[in-house]
PDB file of N, CA and C in Angstrom:
ATOM      1  N   MET A   1     -16.005  -6.192   5.625  1.00  0.00           N
ATOM      2  CA  MET A   1     -15.482  -5.283   5.778  1.00  0.00           C
ATOM      3  C   MET A   1     -14.161  -4.456   4.380  1.00  0.00           C
ATOM      4  N   ILE A   2     -14.076  -3.874   3.205  1.00  0.00           N
ATOM      5  CA  ILE A   2     -13.852  -3.760   2.779  1.00  0.00           C
ATOM      6  C   ILE A   2     -13.362  -1.807   2.341  1.00  0.00           C
ATOM      7  N   LEU A   3     -12.188  -0.931   2.566  1.00  0.00           N
ATOM      8  CA  LEU A   3     -11.443  -0.323   1.841  1.00  0.00           C
ATOM      9  C   LEU A   3     -11.458   0.055   1.034  1.00  0.00           C
ATOM     10  N   TYR A   4     -12.096   1.547   0.142  1.00  0.00           N
ATOM     11  CA  TYR A   4     -12.089   2.071  -1.061  1.00  0.00           C
ATOM     12  C   TYR A   4     -12.024   2.946  -1.152  1.00  0.00           C
ATOM     13  N   THR A   5     -10.668   3.626  -2.732  1.00  0.00           N
ATOM     14  CA  THR A   5     -10.532   4.799  -1.845  1.00  0.00           C
ATOM     15  C   THR A   5     -11.103   5.385  -3.430  1.00  0.00           C
ATOM     16  N   LEU A   6     -11.968   6.749  -3.357  1.00  0.00           N
ATOM     17  CA  LEU A   6     -13.416   7.585  -4.625  1.00  0.00           C
ATOM     18  C   LEU A   6     -12.436   8.086  -5.081  1.00  0.00           C
ATOM     19  N   GLN A   7     -13.443   8.290  -6.033  1.00  0.00           N
ATOM     20  CA  GLN A   7     -13.077   9.620  -6.665  1.00  0.00           C
ATOM     21  C   GLN A   7     -14.061  10.467  -7.499  1.00  0.00           C
ATOM     22  N   CYS A   8     -14.037  11.595  -7.414  1.00  0.00           N
ATOM     23  CA  CYS A   8     -15.200  11.931  -7.814  1.00  0.00           C
ATOM     24  C   CYS A   8     -15.043  12.871  -9.056  1.00  0.00           C
ATOM     25  N   SER A   9     -16.121  13.161 -10.019  1.00  0.00           N
ATOM     26  CA  SER A   9     -15.903  13.293 -10.727  1.00  0.00           C
ATOM     27  C   SER A   9     -14.950  15.146 -11.176  1.00  0.00           C
ATOM     28  N   LYS A  10     -15.039  15.714 -10.162  1.00  0.00           N
ATOM     29  CA  LYS A  10     -13.646  16.804  -9.510  1.00  0.00           C
ATOM     30  C   LYS A  10     -12.625  16.409  -9.757  1.00  0.00           C
ATOM     31  N   ASP A  11     -12.388  14.863  -9.242  1.00  0.00           N
ATOM     32  CA  ASP A  11     -10.604  14.491  -9.734  1.00  0.00           C
ATOM     33  C   ASP A  11     -10.493  14.417  -7.427  1.00  0.00           C
ATOM     34  N   HIS A  12     -12.074  14.972  -7.213  1.00  0.00           N
ATOM     35  CA  HIS A  12     -11.164  14.836  -5.128  1.00  0.00           C
ATOM     36  C   HIS A  12     -11.078  13.234  -4.481  1.00  0.00           C
ATOM     37  N   GLN A  13     -10.321  12.530  -4.263  1.00  0.00           N
ATOM     38  CA  GLN A  13     -10.092  11.081  -3.293  1.00  0.00           C
ATOM     39  C   GLN A  13     -10.359  11.580  -2.566  1.00  0.00           C
ATOM     40  N   PHE A  14     -11.207  10.672  -1.822  1.00  0.00           N
ATOM     41  CA  PHE A  14     -11.492  10.182   0.313  1.00  0.00           C
ATOM     42  C   PHE A  14     -12.078   8.338  -0.505  1.00  0.00           C
ATOM     43  N   GLU A  15     -11.617   8.298   0.605  1.00  0.00           N
ATOM     44  CA  GLU A  15     -11.588   6.399   0.860  1.00  0.00           C
ATOM     45  C   GLU A  15     -12.854   6.795   2.372  1.00  0.00           C
ATOM     46  N   GLN A  16     -13.357   5.362   1.735  1.00  0.00           N
ATOM     47  CA  GLN A  16     -14.831   5.155   2.392  1.00  0.00           C
ATOM     48  C   GLN A  16     -14.761   3.876   2.486  1.00  0.00           C
ATOM     49  N   TRP A  17     -15.503   3.547   3.840  1.00  0.00           N
ATOM     50  CA  TRP A  17     -15.178   1.797   3.406  1.00  0.00           C
ATOM     51  C   TRP A  17     -16.758   0.648   3.493  1.00  0.00           C
ATOM     52  N   PHE A  18     -17.219  -0.051   3.453  1.00  0.00           N
ATOM     53  CA  PHE A  18     -18.007  -0.917   2.809  1.00  0.00           C
ATOM     54  C   PHE A  18     -17.949  -2.587   3.190  1.00  0.00           C
ATOM     55  N   ASP A  19     -19.142  -2.996   3.419  1.00  0.00           N
ATOM     56  CA  ASP A  19     -19.070  -3.866   3.788  1.00  0.00           C
ATOM     57  C   ASP A  19     -18.677  -5.615   2.976  1.00  0.00           C
ATOM     58  N   ASN A  20     -18.890  -5.150   1.390  1.00  0.00           N
ATOM     59  CA  ASN A  20     -17.886  -5.740   0.794  1.00  0.00           C
ATOM     60  C   ASN A  20     -18.705  -5.366   0.079  1.00  0.00           C
ATOM     61  N   SER A  21     -17.996  -5.675  -1.487  1.00  0.00           N
ATOM     62  CA  SER A  21     -18.129  -5.342  -3.368  1.00  0.00           C
ATOM     63  C   SER A  21     -19.604  -5.052  -3.094  1.00  0.00           C
ATOM     64  N   GLY A  22     -20.669  -5.737  -2.947  1.00  0.00           N
ATOM     65  CA  GLY A  22     -21.556  -5.142  -3.572  1.00  0.00           C
ATOM     66  C   GLY A  22     -22.807  -3.951  -2.682  1.00  0.00           C
ATOM     67  N   ASP A  23     -21.575  -3.974  -1.770  1.00  0.00           N
ATOM     68  CA  ASP A  23     -22.802  -2.691  -0.639  1.00  0.00           C
ATOM     69  C   ASP A  23     -21.728  -1.740  -1.417  1.00  0.00           C
ATOM     70  N   TYR A  24     -21.280  -1.395  -2.088  1.00  0.00           N
ATOM     71  CA  TYR A  24     -20.760  -0.450  -2.820  1.00  0.00           C
ATOM     72  C   TYR A  24     -21.311  -0.281  -3.795  1.00  0.00           C
ATOM     73  N   ASP A  25     -21.453  -1.438  -4.718  1.00  0.00           N
ATOM     74  CA  ASP A  25     -22.242  -1.426  -6.048  1.00  0.00           C
ATOM     75  C   ASP A  25     -23.741  -0.928  -5.616  1.00  0.00           C
ATOM     76  N   SER A  26     -25.228  -1.478  -4.621  1.00  0.00           N
ATOM     77  CA  SER A  26     -25.321  -1.078  -4.830  1.00  0.00           C
ATOM     78  C   SER A  26     -25.961   0.619  -4.059  1.00  0.00           C
ATOM     79  N   LYS A  27     -24.659   0.768  -3.490  1.00  0.00           N
ATOM     80  CA  LYS A  27     -24.751   2.361  -3.105  1.00  0.00           C
ATOM     81  C   LYS A  27     -24.462   3.419  -3.889  1.00  0.00           C
ATOM     82  N   LYS A  28     -23.595   2.819  -5.098  1.00  0.00           N
ATOM     83  CA  LYS A  28     -23.446   3.383  -6.578  1.00  0.00           C
ATOM     84  C   LYS A  28     -24.528   3.419  -7.398  1.00  0.00           C
ATOM     85  N   ALA A  29     -25.240   2.479  -7.090  1.00  0.00           N
ATOM     86  CA  ALA A  29     -26.464   2.841  -8.012  1.00  0.00           C
ATOM     87  C   ALA A  29     -27.757   3.846  -7.500  1.00  0.00           C
ATOM     88  N   ASP A  30     -27.229   3.532  -6.103  1.00  0.00           N
ATOM     89  CA  ASP A  30     -29.155   4.577  -5.901  1.00  0.00           C
ATOM     90  C   ASP A  30     -27.961   5.958  -5.698  1.00  0.00           C
ATOM     91  N   GLY A  31     -26.834   6.110  -6.269  1.00  0.00           N
ATOM     92  CA  GLY A  31     -26.349   7.300  -5.642  1.00  0.00           C
ATOM     93  C   GLY A  31     -26.358   7.635  -4.280  1.00  0.00           C
ATOM     94  N   ALA A  32     -25.506   6.503  -3.632  1.00  0.00           N
ATOM     95  CA  ALA A  32     -25.735   7.241  -2.482  1.00  0.00           C
ATOM     96  C   ALA A  32     -24.251   7.539  -1.800  1.00  0.00           C
ATOM     97  N   LEU A  33     -22.978   7.540  -2.958  1.00  0.00           N
ATOM     98  CA  LEU A  33     -21.741   7.935  -2.397  1.00  0.00           C
ATOM     99  C   LEU A  33     -21.987   9.768  -2.898  1.00  0.00           C
ATOM    100  N   VAL A  34     -21.280  10.569  -2.134  1.00  0.00           N
ATOM    101  CA  VAL A  34     -21.047  11.818  -1.883  1.00  0.00           C
ATOM    102  C   VAL A  34     -19.578  12.411  -1.678  1.00  0.00           C
ATOM    103  N   CYS A  35     -19.213  12.943  -2.187  1.00  0.00           N
ATOM    104  CA  CYS A  35     -17.935  14.061  -2.339  1.00  0.00           C
ATOM    105  C   CYS A  35     -17.731  14.555  -1.012  1.00  0.00           C
ATOM    106  N   PRO A  36     -17.369  14.416   0.009  1.00  0.00           N
ATOM    107  CA  PRO A  36     -16.979  15.366   1.326  1.00  0.00           C
ATOM    108  C   PRO A  36     -16.605  16.428   1.106  1.00  0.00           C
ATOM    109  N   GLU A  37     -15.850  16.604  -0.065  1.00  0.00           N
ATOM    110  CA  GLU A  37     -15.217  17.859  -0.673  1.00  0.00           C
ATOM    111  C   GLU A  37     -16.373  19.165  -0.983  1.00  0.00           C
ATOM    112  N   CYS A  38     -17.195  18.179  -1.810  1.00  0.00           N
ATOM    113  CA  CYS A  38     -18.219  19.379  -2.911  1.00  0.00           C
ATOM    114  C   CYS A  38     -19.109  18.936  -3.082  1.00  0.00           C
ATOM    115  N   GLY A  39     -19.308  17.644  -2.657  1.00  0.00           N
ATOM    116  CA  GLY A  39     -20.733  16.988  -2.650  1.00  0.00           C
ATOM    117  C   GLY A  39     -21.046  16.430  -4.052  1.00  0.00           C
ATOM    118  N   ASP A  40     -19.885  16.127  -5.175  1.00  0.00           N
ATOM    119  CA  ASP A  40     -20.882  15.595  -6.391  1.00  0.00           C
ATOM    120  C   ASP A  40     -21.242  14.677  -5.937  1.00  0.00           C
ATOM    121  N   THR A  41     -22.292  13.751  -6.386  1.00  0.00           N
ATOM    122  CA  THR A  41     -22.443  12.320  -6.349  1.00  0.00           C
ATOM    123  C   THR A  41     -21.945  11.285  -7.310  1.00  0.00           C
ATOM    124  N   GLN A  42     -21.129  12.258  -8.566  1.00  0.00           N
ATOM    125  CA  GLN A  42     -20.794  11.294 -10.214  1.00  0.00           C
ATOM    126  C   GLN A  42     -19.248  10.420  -9.242  1.00  0.00           C
ATOM    127  N   VAL A  43     -19.239   9.077  -8.770  1.00  0.00           N
ATOM    128  CA  VAL A  43     -18.429   9.172  -7.818  1.00  0.00           C
ATOM    129  C   VAL A  43     -17.962   7.342  -7.893  1.00  0.00           C
ATOM    130  N   ALA A  44     -16.986   7.261  -8.250  1.00  0.00           N
ATOM    131  CA  ALA A  44     -16.482   5.984  -8.629  1.00  0.00           C
ATOM    132  C   ALA A  44     -15.040   5.096  -7.856  1.00  0.00           C
ATOM    133  N   LYS A  45     -15.060   4.166  -8.049  1.00  0.00           N
ATOM    134  CA  LYS A  45     -13.750   3.258  -7.496  1.00  0.00           C
ATOM    135  C   LYS A  45     -12.610   4.713  -8.050  1.00  0.00           C
ATOM    136  N   ALA A  46     -11.261   4.759  -7.316  1.00  0.00           N
ATOM    137  CA  ALA A  46     -10.016   5.410  -7.729  1.00  0.00           C
ATOM    138  C   ALA A  46      -8.905   4.039  -8.338  1.00  0.00           C
ATOM    139  N   ILE A  47      -7.951   4.204  -9.195  1.00  0.00           N
ATOM    140  CA  ILE A  47      -6.792   3.566  -8.962  1.00  0.00           C
ATOM    141  C   ILE A  47      -5.846   3.554  -7.667  1.00  0.00           C
ATOM    142  N   MET A  48      -6.033   1.992  -7.271  1.00  0.00           N
ATOM    143  CA  MET A  48      -5.729   1.633  -6.116  1.00  0.00           C
ATOM    144  C   MET A  48      -4.198   0.982  -6.303  1.00  0.00           C
ATOM    145  N   ALA A  49      -3.028   1.688  -5.244  1.00  0.00           N
ATOM    146  CA  ALA A  49      -1.827   0.868  -4.880  1.00  0.00           C
ATOM    147  C   ALA A  49      -2.119  -0.101  -4.152  1.00  0.00           C
ATOM    148  N   PRO A  50      -2.248  -1.572  -3.585  1.00  0.00           N
ATOM    149  CA  PRO A  50      -1.536  -2.053  -3.486  1.00  0.00           C
ATOM    150  C   PRO A  50      -1.437  -1.935  -1.363  1.00  0.00           C
ATOM    151  N   ARG A  51      -1.464  -1.646  -0.545  1.00  0.00           N
ATOM    152  CA  ARG A  51      -0.913  -1.966   0.522  1.00  0.00           C
ATOM    153  C   ARG A  51       0.128  -2.999   0.827  1.00  0.00           C
ATOM    154  N   VAL A  52       0.996  -3.057   0.984  1.00  0.00           N
ATOM    155  CA  VAL A  52       1.989  -3.981   0.892  1.00  0.00           C
ATOM    156  C   VAL A  52       3.352  -3.875   2.394  1.00  0.00           C
ATOM    157  N   ALA A  53       2.909  -4.725   3.175  1.00  0.00           N
ATOM    158  CA  ALA A  53       3.688  -4.699   4.781  1.00  0.00           C
ATOM    159  C   ALA A  53       5.147  -4.264   4.351  1.00  0.00           C
ATOM    160  N   LYS A  54       6.297  -3.101   4.838  1.00  0.00           N
ATOM    161  CA  LYS A  54       7.387  -3.371   4.502  1.00  0.00           C
ATOM    162  C   LYS A  54       8.509  -4.903   5.375  1.00  0.00           C
ATOM    163  N   SER A  55       9.519  -5.866   5.181  1.00  0.00           N
ATOM    164  CA  SER A  55       9.876  -6.716   5.976  1.00  0.00           C
ATOM    165  C   SER A  55      11.068  -5.749   6.091  1.00  0.00           C
ATOM    166  N   ALA A  56      11.834  -6.360   7.960  1.00  0.00           N
ATOM    167  CA  ALA A  56      12.581  -5.535   8.429  1.00  0.00           C
ATOM    168  C   ALA A  56      14.092  -6.178   6.826  1.00  0.00           C
ATOM    169  N   PRO A  57      15.162  -5.757   6.897  1.00  0.00           N
ATOM    170  CA  PRO A  57      15.692  -6.104   6.222  1.00  0.00           C
ATOM    171  C   PRO A  57      16.816  -7.138   6.591  1.00  0.00           C
ATOM    172  N   ALA A  58      17.384  -8.004   5.696  1.00  0.00           N
ATOM    173  CA  ALA A  58      17.865  -9.061   5.790  1.00  0.00           C
ATOM    174  C   ALA A  58      19.378  -8.527   6.682  1.00  0.00           C
ATOM    175  N   PRO A  59      19.868 -10.050   7.488  1.00  0.00           N
ATOM    176  CA  PRO A  59      21.238  -8.971   8.112  1.00  0.00           C
ATOM    177  C   PRO A  59      22.192  -9.435   6.995  1.00  0.00           C
ATOM    178  N   ALA A  60      23.694  -8.800   6.843  1.00  0.00           N
ATOM    179  CA  ALA A  60      24.455  -9.223   6.584  1.00  0.00           C
ATOM    180  C   ALA A  60      25.844 -10.996   6.795  1.00  0.00           C
ATOM    181  N   PRO A  61      25.257 -11.037   5.863  1.00  0.00           N
ATOM    182  CA  PRO A  61      25.997 -12.759   5.898  1.00  0.00           C
ATOM    183  C   PRO A  61      27.335 -12.773   6.782  1.00  0.00           C
ATOM    184  N   ALA A  62      27.402 -13.436   7.419  1.00  0.00           N
ATOM    185  CA  ALA A  62      28.531 -13.507   7.728  1.00  0.00           C
ATOM    186  C   ALA A  62      29.919 -13.891   7.299  1.00  0.00           C
ATOM    187  N   CYS A  63      31.198 -14.525   7.120  1.00  0.00           N
ATOM    188  CA  CYS A  63      32.248 -14.070   6.624  1.00  0.00           C
ATOM    189  C   CYS A  63      32.931 -15.508   6.453  1.00  0.00           C
ATOM    190  N   PRO A  64      32.380 -16.103   6.019  1.00  0.00           N
ATOM    191  CA  PRO A  64      32.866 -17.831   6.090  1.00  0.00           C
ATOM    192  C   PRO A  64      34.653 -18.269   6.457  1.00  0.00           C
ATOM    193  N   SER A  65      35.219 -16.416   6.216  1.00  0.00           N
ATOM    194  CA  SER A  65      36.880 -17.693   6.370  1.00  0.00           C
ATOM    195  C   SER A  65      38.168 -16.362   7.052  1.00  0.00           C
ATOM    196  N   GLY A  66      36.687 -15.764   8.321  1.00  0.00           N
ATOM    197  CA  GLY A  66      37.638 -14.688   8.853  1.00  0.00           C
ATOM    198  C   GLY A  66      37.165 -14.783   9.998  1.00  0.00           C
ATOM    199  N   PRO A  67      37.486 -14.125  11.029  1.00  0.00           N
ATOM    200  CA  PRO A  67      37.161 -13.853  12.291  1.00  0.00           C
ATOM    201  C   PRO A  67      35.594 -13.278  12.598  1.00  0.00           C
ATOM    202  N   PRO A  68      35.190 -13.282  13.572  1.00  0.00           N
ATOM    203  CA  PRO A  68      33.904 -13.174  13.610  1.00  0.00           C
ATOM    204  C   PRO A  68      33.386 -11.494  13.875  1.00  0.00           C
ATOM    205  N   GLY A  69      33.124 -10.925  13.513  1.00  0.00           N
ATOM    206  CA  GLY A  69      33.092  -9.266  13.905  1.00  0.00           C
ATOM    207  C   GLY A  69      33.680  -8.281  12.169  1.00  0.00           C
ATOM    208  N   GLY A  70      33.669  -9.264  11.675  1.00  0.00           N
ATOM    209  CA  GLY A  70      34.782  -8.890  10.032  1.00  0.00           C
ATOM    210  C   GLY A  70      36.153  -9.339  10.264  1.00  0.00           C
ATOM    211  N   GLY A  71      37.207  -8.089   9.481  1.00  0.00           N
ATOM    212  CA  GLY A  71      38.418  -7.809   9.923  1.00  0.00           C
ATOM    213  C   GLY A  71      38.556  -8.766   8.457  1.00  0.00           C
ATOM    214  N   CYS A  72      37.846  -9.773   7.618  1.00  0.00           N
ATOM    215  CA  CYS A  72      38.970 -10.104   6.949  1.00  0.00           C
ATOM    216  C   CYS A  72      38.856  -9.754   5.123  1.00  0.00           C
ATOM    217  N   GLY A  73      39.853  -9.478   4.558  1.00  0.00           N
ATOM    218  CA  GLY A  73      39.868  -8.269   3.432  1.00  0.00           C
ATOM    219  C   GLY A  73      39.476  -9.058   1.922  1.00  0.00           C
ATOM    220  N   GLY A  74      40.201 -10.199   2.123  1.00  0.00           N
ATOM    221  CA  GLY A  74      40.048 -10.279   0.597  1.00  0.00           C
ATOM    222  C   GLY A  74      38.611 -11.620  -0.054  1.00  0.00           C
ATOM    223  N   CYS A  75      37.857 -11.533   0.943  1.00  0.00           N
ATOM    224  CA  CYS A  75      36.270 -12.673   0.693  1.00  0.00           C
ATOM    225  C   CYS A  75      35.913 -11.645  -0.002  1.00  0.00           C
ATOM    226  N   ALA A  76      34.772 -13.462  -0.266  1.00  0.00           N
ATOM    227  CA  ALA A  76      33.475 -12.128  -1.521  1.00  0.00           C
ATOM    228  C   ALA A  76      32.692 -11.575  -0.724  1.00  0.00           C
ATOM    229  N   PHE A  77      32.496 -11.385   0.237  1.00  0.00           N
ATOM    230  CA  PHE A  77      31.878 -10.710   1.290  1.00  0.00           C
ATOM    231  C   PHE A  77      32.604  -9.024   1.653  1.00  0.00           C
ATOM    232  N   ALA A  78      33.844  -8.882   1.460  1.00  0.00           N
ATOM    233  CA  ALA A  78      34.278  -7.795   2.242  1.00  0.00           C
ATOM    234  C   ALA A  78      33.593  -6.806   1.744  1.00  0.00           C
ATOM    235  N   GLY A  79      33.600  -5.712   2.439  1.00  0.00           N
ATOM    236  CA  GLY A  79      32.724  -4.773   2.021  1.00  0.00           C
ATOM    237  C   GLY A  79      31.112  -4.605   2.577  1.00  0.00           C
ATOM    238  N   GLN A  80      30.570  -6.050   2.814  1.00  0.00           N
ATOM    239  CA  GLN A  80      29.422  -6.217   2.822  1.00  0.00           C
ATOM    240  C   GLN A  80      28.942  -6.211   4.297  1.00  0.00           C
ATOM    241  N   HIS A  81      29.829  -5.892   5.581  1.00  0.00           N
ATOM    242  CA  HIS A  81      29.503  -6.064   6.576  1.00  0.00           C
ATOM    243  C   HIS A  81      29.961  -5.424   7.949  1.00  0.00           C
TER     244      HIS A  81
END
């Protein structure tokens, strides 16, 4: 299954699932793609941004020259932890 964002000639955007890219092509050729907002059948794929999962931020580096929990004043990591 593949999810495409589609857009009609009146600039309405909507999403629709297809079995594969060939399924989209055949439905487009048959005129079977219809805008749910206005009923327009002049529908094409819209430009889509990829969906990328956000990762958790990396923990701050430990101060190599000070006691655990911070407290180092002049190291390269001062103010970062």
